[in-house]
Amino acid sequence: MPARATEARRAAVLGSPIGHSLSPALHRAAYEELGLTHWSYDRFEVDEAALPGFVENLGPEWAGLSLTMPLKRAVIPLLDVISETAAAVEAVNTVVFTDDGRRFGDNTDIPGMVAALRERGIGEVDSAAILGAGATASSALAALARVCTGAVAVYVRSEARAAEMRQWGERLKVEVRTRDWADAAEALLAPLVVATTPAGTTDVLSSSVPERPATLFDVLYDPWPTALADRWSARGGAVVSGLDLLVHQALLQVEEMTGRSVSTSVLREAANIAIAERR
């Protein structure tokens, strides 16, 4: 049901730590653009132990929640139903409280990644590479299941992580070929490279960027650009940033919670302003 501007509703982002989250800036900008003057969006420091009590105490004015680590899996037992997308990676980053009182869980990271790629003209590739094998890598693999027609090479530091990614590949019906992190430079030759590692991890690879790189999707957005993204762009390659992902996944959250759509430019401007203010 479309949201009414005079109906007081609440939403928030939860996680631990949560002070770094840009979600309030993006969602508030969307509410302002949509004229939802009685909507509010906050952030709350909530860990796994506190999550059940927090959810149970929410009143009828609540429209939805955004979730970051470490709550994306912990929230699932508290929900009435989750989408196929969320079930595919066992991770929920969006909770919507429906009119009939149900708690619906979804994952907007995966379609957000796909949308960010398509915005840059990347609709399909015949192979891809993922740097890293953490929580974000499984979402990246799920996104690649929608845009990559061939094998995905995943560069990891341990056999345990490699086994996990192969299992995700079987579940998502993606051919996963695991490789040792020591050989990560070869990943940069792929038509699409998705970097999912923490800040600084891929800096050493910047000197290995080929003369004519294809597309890099680096999920980081602050600090930006990363050394790898900077070198990639300097050599003429296409770069998709974590800010692009942040904007597109938030756009989908706004649509699910309010029933209304807003332009990506509104959210991107809000994110850029928030980042500039931090610096």
Protein backbone atom coordinates (compact mmCIF):
# COMPACT_ATOMS: atom_id res chain seq x y z
CA MET A 1 0.00 0.00 0.00
CA PRO A 2 1.46 3.42 -0.95
CA ALA A 3 2.65 5.40 2.04
CA ARG A 4 0.75 8.53 3.07
CA ALA A 5 2.70 11.66 3.94
CA THR A 6 0.60 12.32 7.05
CA GLU A 7 0.90 8.80 8.45
CA ALA A 8 3.59 8.63 11.15
CA ARG A 9 5.84 5.67 10.40
CA ARG A 10 9.25 4.59 11.63
CA ALA A 11 12.19 2.69 10.19
CA ALA A 12 15.81 2.21 11.24
CA VAL A 13 19.07 0.44 10.56
CA LEU A 14 20.37 -2.01 13.17
CA GLY A 15 23.82 -3.47 13.64
CA SER A 16 26.97 -3.50 15.72
CA PRO A 17 28.92 -1.35 15.16
CA ILE A 18 26.42 0.99 13.52
CA GLY A 19 27.84 4.51 13.84
CA HIS A 20 29.40 4.35 10.36
CA SER A 21 26.13 3.56 8.56
CA LEU A 22 25.04 5.92 5.79
CA SER A 23 21.55 4.42 5.66
CA PRO A 24 19.92 7.24 7.69
CA ALA A 25 21.20 9.85 5.24
CA LEU A 26 19.88 7.91 2.24
CA HIS A 27 16.48 6.98 3.63
CA ARG A 28 15.81 10.43 5.07
CA ALA A 29 16.66 11.98 1.70
CA ALA A 30 14.18 9.62 0.07
CA TYR A 31 11.45 10.52 2.55
CA GLU A 32 12.04 14.22 1.93
CA GLU A 33 11.91 13.75 -1.83
CA LEU A 34 8.69 11.73 -1.55
CA GLY A 35 7.04 14.19 0.80
CA LEU A 36 6.80 11.63 3.61
CA THR A 37 7.14 14.30 6.28
CA HIS A 38 5.90 12.10 9.11
CA TRP A 39 8.34 9.28 8.42
CA SER A 40 11.53 8.92 10.46
CA TYR A 41 14.62 6.76 10.05
CA ASP A 42 17.14 6.16 12.83
CA ARG A 43 20.09 3.93 13.69
CA PHE A 44 20.39 1.63 16.72
CA GLU A 45 23.35 -0.26 18.10
CA VAL A 46 21.97 -3.79 18.38
CA ASP A 47 23.93 -7.03 18.61
CA GLU A 48 22.71 -10.61 18.15
CA ALA A 49 21.80 -11.04 21.82
CA ALA A 50 19.67 -7.90 21.90
CA LEU A 51 17.96 -8.40 18.54
CA PRO A 52 14.99 -10.60 19.62
CA GLY A 53 13.97 -8.20 22.38
CA PHE A 54 14.32 -5.19 20.11
CA VAL A 55 12.10 -6.70 17.42
CA GLU A 56 9.47 -7.92 19.88
CA ASN A 57 9.10 -4.44 21.39
CA LEU A 58 8.42 -2.64 18.12
CA GLY A 59 5.01 -0.99 17.86
CA PRO A 60 2.55 -0.78 14.94
CA GLU A 61 4.10 2.45 13.70
CA TRP A 62 7.15 0.55 12.45
CA ALA A 63 7.35 0.04 8.69
CA GLY A 64 10.68 -1.73 8.37
CA LEU A 65 14.29 -2.33 9.34
CA SER A 66 17.60 -2.32 7.54
CA LEU A 67 20.11 -4.81 8.92
CA THR A 68 23.88 -4.90 8.76
CA MET A 69 26.41 -7.20 10.38
CA PRO A 70 26.14 -9.24 12.51
CA LEU A 71 22.35 -9.46 12.22
CA LYS A 72 21.69 -10.61 8.67
CA ARG A 73 21.48 -14.27 9.61
CA ALA A 74 20.47 -13.86 13.26
CA VAL A 75 17.19 -12.19 12.29
CA ILE A 76 15.87 -15.10 10.21
CA PRO A 77 14.33 -17.11 13.09
CA LEU A 78 12.40 -13.98 14.13
CA LEU A 79 10.62 -13.65 10.78
CA ASP A 80 7.41 -15.14 9.42
CA VAL A 81 8.63 -15.48 5.84
CA ILE A 82 11.71 -14.64 3.80
CA SER A 83 12.15 -14.16 0.07
CA GLU A 84 13.81 -16.69 -2.21
CA THR A 85 16.65 -14.22 -2.69
CA ALA A 86 17.33 -14.03 1.04
CA ALA A 87 16.98 -17.79 1.46
CA ALA A 88 19.51 -18.40 -1.29
CA VAL A 89 22.33 -16.89 0.79
CA GLU A 90 20.76 -17.23 4.25
CA ALA A 91 21.04 -13.47 4.78
CA VAL A 92 18.37 -10.82 5.35
CA ASN A 93 19.23 -7.14 5.16
CA THR A 94 15.64 -5.85 4.95
CA VAL A 95 12.62 -6.47 7.16
CA VAL A 96 9.21 -5.16 6.19
CA PHE A 97 6.27 -5.20 8.60
CA THR A 98 3.23 -5.95 6.44
CA ASP A 99 -0.31 -4.67 6.87
CA ASP A 100 -1.44 -8.10 8.07
CA GLY A 101 1.15 -8.12 10.85
CA ARG A 102 3.75 -10.41 9.32
CA ARG A 103 7.50 -9.89 9.39
CA PHE A 104 8.85 -10.30 5.88
CA GLY A 105 12.59 -10.64 5.27
CA ASP A 106 14.37 -9.85 2.02
CA ASN A 107 17.88 -9.31 0.68
CA THR A 108 18.34 -6.18 -1.44
CA ASP A 109 22.13 -6.52 -1.62
CA ILE A 110 21.91 -9.11 -4.40
CA PRO A 111 19.54 -7.27 -6.77
CA GLY A 112 21.34 -4.08 -5.75
CA MET A 113 24.61 -5.49 -7.10
CA VAL A 114 22.91 -6.55 -10.32
CA ALA A 115 21.30 -3.11 -10.73
CA ALA A 116 24.61 -1.34 -10.07
CA LEU A 117 26.28 -3.41 -12.79
CA ARG A 118 23.48 -2.85 -15.27
CA GLU A 119 23.61 0.89 -14.59
CA ARG A 120 27.17 0.75 -15.92
CA GLY A 121 26.16 -1.32 -18.95
CA ILE A 122 27.17 -4.72 -17.55
CA GLY A 123 24.25 -7.04 -18.29
CA GLU A 124 26.09 -10.28 -18.97
CA VAL A 125 29.63 -11.67 -18.86
CA ASP A 126 30.96 -15.10 -19.78
CA SER A 127 33.21 -15.42 -16.72
CA ALA A 128 34.09 -13.53 -13.54
CA ALA A 129 36.37 -13.50 -10.51
CA ILE A 130 35.72 -12.77 -6.84
CA LEU A 131 38.45 -11.55 -4.51
CA GLY A 132 37.70 -12.82 -1.00
CA ALA A 133 35.32 -15.34 0.53
CA GLY A 134 33.60 -13.57 3.41
CA ALA A 135 29.93 -12.77 3.92
CA THR A 136 29.82 -10.29 1.04
CA ALA A 137 31.35 -12.83 -1.33
CA SER A 138 28.33 -15.14 -1.06
CA SER A 139 26.03 -12.26 -2.04
CA ALA A 140 28.39 -11.40 -4.90
CA LEU A 141 28.22 -15.01 -6.07
CA ALA A 142 24.42 -14.90 -5.96
CA ALA A 143 24.48 -11.70 -8.03
CA LEU A 144 26.87 -13.28 -10.52
CA ALA A 145 24.46 -16.18 -10.88
CA ARG A 146 22.21 -13.64 -12.62
CA VAL A 147 24.80 -12.04 -14.92
CA CYS A 148 27.60 -14.57 -15.48
CA THR A 149 27.05 -17.40 -17.96
CA GLY A 150 30.29 -19.24 -17.20
CA ALA A 151 32.60 -20.12 -14.34
CA VAL A 152 33.47 -17.85 -11.42
CA ALA A 153 36.99 -17.98 -10.01
CA VAL A 154 37.16 -17.22 -6.28
CA TYR A 155 40.48 -16.25 -4.70
CA VAL A 156 40.76 -17.24 -1.03
CA ARG A 157 43.34 -17.59 1.73
CA SER A 158 42.28 -20.95 3.21
CA GLU A 159 40.90 -24.29 2.11
CA ALA A 160 38.05 -23.91 4.60
CA ARG A 161 36.92 -20.74 2.85
CA ALA A 162 37.40 -22.39 -0.52
CA ALA A 163 35.15 -25.27 0.52
CA GLU A 164 32.49 -22.83 1.69
CA MET A 165 32.49 -21.00 -1.63
CA ARG A 166 32.25 -24.26 -3.57
CA GLN A 167 29.24 -25.18 -1.44
CA TRP A 168 27.64 -21.81 -2.18
CA GLY A 169 28.32 -22.42 -5.86
CA GLU A 170 26.50 -25.75 -5.76
CA ARG A 171 23.58 -24.17 -3.97
CA LEU A 172 23.38 -21.23 -6.36
CA LYS A 173 24.07 -23.40 -9.43
CA VAL A 174 27.23 -21.49 -10.29
CA GLU A 175 30.44 -23.20 -11.38
CA VAL A 176 32.97 -22.06 -8.76
CA ARG A 177 36.68 -22.58 -9.26
CA THR A 178 38.63 -21.74 -6.12
CA ARG A 179 42.14 -20.34 -6.36
CA ASP A 180 44.84 -19.46 -3.83
CA TRP A 181 45.09 -15.81 -2.81
CA ALA A 182 48.76 -15.87 -3.78
CA ASP A 183 47.60 -16.01 -7.41
CA ALA A 184 45.06 -13.19 -7.07
CA ALA A 185 46.82 -11.02 -9.66
CA GLU A 186 45.57 -13.35 -12.39
CA ALA A 187 41.99 -12.53 -11.37
CA LEU A 188 42.44 -9.04 -12.78
CA LEU A 189 42.30 -10.46 -16.32
CA ALA A 190 38.66 -11.53 -15.91
CA PRO A 191 35.86 -9.68 -17.75
CA LEU A 192 34.38 -8.81 -14.35
CA VAL A 193 36.28 -8.68 -11.05
CA VAL A 194 34.38 -8.30 -7.76
CA ALA A 195 36.51 -7.23 -4.80
CA THR A 196 34.79 -8.10 -1.51
CA THR A 197 37.72 -7.77 0.90
CA PRO A 198 38.28 -5.21 3.71
CA ALA A 199 39.99 -1.88 3.10
CA GLY A 200 43.65 -2.19 2.17
CA THR A 201 43.57 -5.88 1.28
CA THR A 202 43.72 -5.41 -2.49
CA ASP A 203 46.17 -2.50 -2.49
CA VAL A 204 49.04 -4.84 -3.34
CA LEU A 205 47.24 -5.86 -6.53
CA SER A 206 47.12 -2.35 -7.97
CA SER A 207 50.53 -2.79 -9.64
CA SER A 208 49.17 -5.86 -11.48
CA VAL A 209 46.26 -4.15 -13.25
CA PRO A 210 46.52 -5.06 -16.95
CA GLU A 211 46.94 -2.52 -19.75
CA ARG A 212 43.30 -2.81 -20.81
CA PRO A 213 41.26 -3.90 -17.78
CA ALA A 214 37.58 -4.75 -18.18
CA THR A 215 35.25 -4.09 -15.21
CA LEU A 216 35.99 -3.88 -11.48
CA PHE A 217 33.24 -3.91 -8.86
CA ASP A 218 34.85 -2.88 -5.57
CA VAL A 219 32.29 -3.10 -2.75
CA LEU A 220 34.09 -0.49 -0.63
CA TYR A 221 33.03 3.16 -0.66
CA ASP A 222 35.03 4.77 2.13
CA PRO A 223 37.93 5.28 1.77
CA TRP A 224 37.49 5.84 -1.95
CA PRO A 225 38.96 5.28 -4.38
CA THR A 226 40.86 2.22 -3.27
CA ALA A 227 44.35 1.85 -4.71
CA LEU A 228 43.06 -0.92 -6.97
CA ALA A 229 40.08 1.13 -8.21
CA ASP A 230 42.28 4.17 -8.79
CA ARG A 231 44.76 2.24 -10.91
CA TRP A 232 41.95 0.42 -12.72
CA SER A 233 40.25 3.67 -13.68
CA ALA A 234 43.57 5.27 -14.72
CA ARG A 235 44.06 2.46 -17.20
CA GLY A 236 40.64 3.00 -18.73
CA GLY A 237 38.73 0.20 -17.04
CA ALA A 238 35.13 0.51 -15.88
CA VAL A 239 34.70 0.78 -12.10
CA VAL A 240 31.57 0.13 -10.05
CA SER A 241 31.88 1.21 -6.42
CA GLY A 242 30.41 0.21 -3.11
CA LEU A 243 28.57 3.51 -3.18
CA ASP A 244 26.71 2.32 -6.28
CA LEU A 245 25.74 -0.82 -4.38
CA LEU A 246 24.73 1.16 -1.30
CA VAL A 247 22.47 3.41 -3.36
CA HIS A 248 20.76 0.62 -5.27
CA GLN A 249 20.14 -1.64 -2.28
CA ALA A 250 18.76 1.33 -0.30
CA LEU A 251 16.55 2.30 -3.24
CA LEU A 252 14.97 -1.16 -3.12
CA GLN A 253 14.53 -0.93 0.66
CA VAL A 254 12.71 2.40 0.31
CA GLU A 255 10.40 0.90 -2.30
CA GLU A 256 9.60 -2.12 -0.12
CA MET A 257 8.98 -0.08 3.03
CA THR A 258 7.06 2.86 1.55
CA GLY A 259 5.57 1.49 -1.64
CA ARG A 260 7.07 4.43 -3.55
CA SER A 261 10.06 4.90 -5.82
CA VAL A 262 12.75 7.56 -5.79
CA SER A 263 15.55 8.41 -8.21
CA THR A 264 19.02 6.97 -7.66
CA SER A 265 20.40 10.51 -8.07
CA VAL A 266 18.62 11.60 -4.86
CA LEU A 267 20.23 8.86 -2.81
CA ARG A 268 23.63 9.20 -4.44
CA GLU A 269 23.75 12.92 -3.70
CA ALA A 270 22.76 12.28 -0.08
CA ALA A 271 25.49 9.65 0.27
CA ASN A 272 28.16 11.90 -1.24
CA ILE A 273 27.22 14.74 1.10
CA ALA A 274 27.33 12.45 4.15
CA ILE A 275 30.73 11.07 3.17
CA ALA A 276 32.12 14.57 2.55
CA GLU A 277 30.88 15.72 5.96
CA ARG A 278 32.72 12.85 7.66
CA ARG A 279 35.97 13.80 6.01
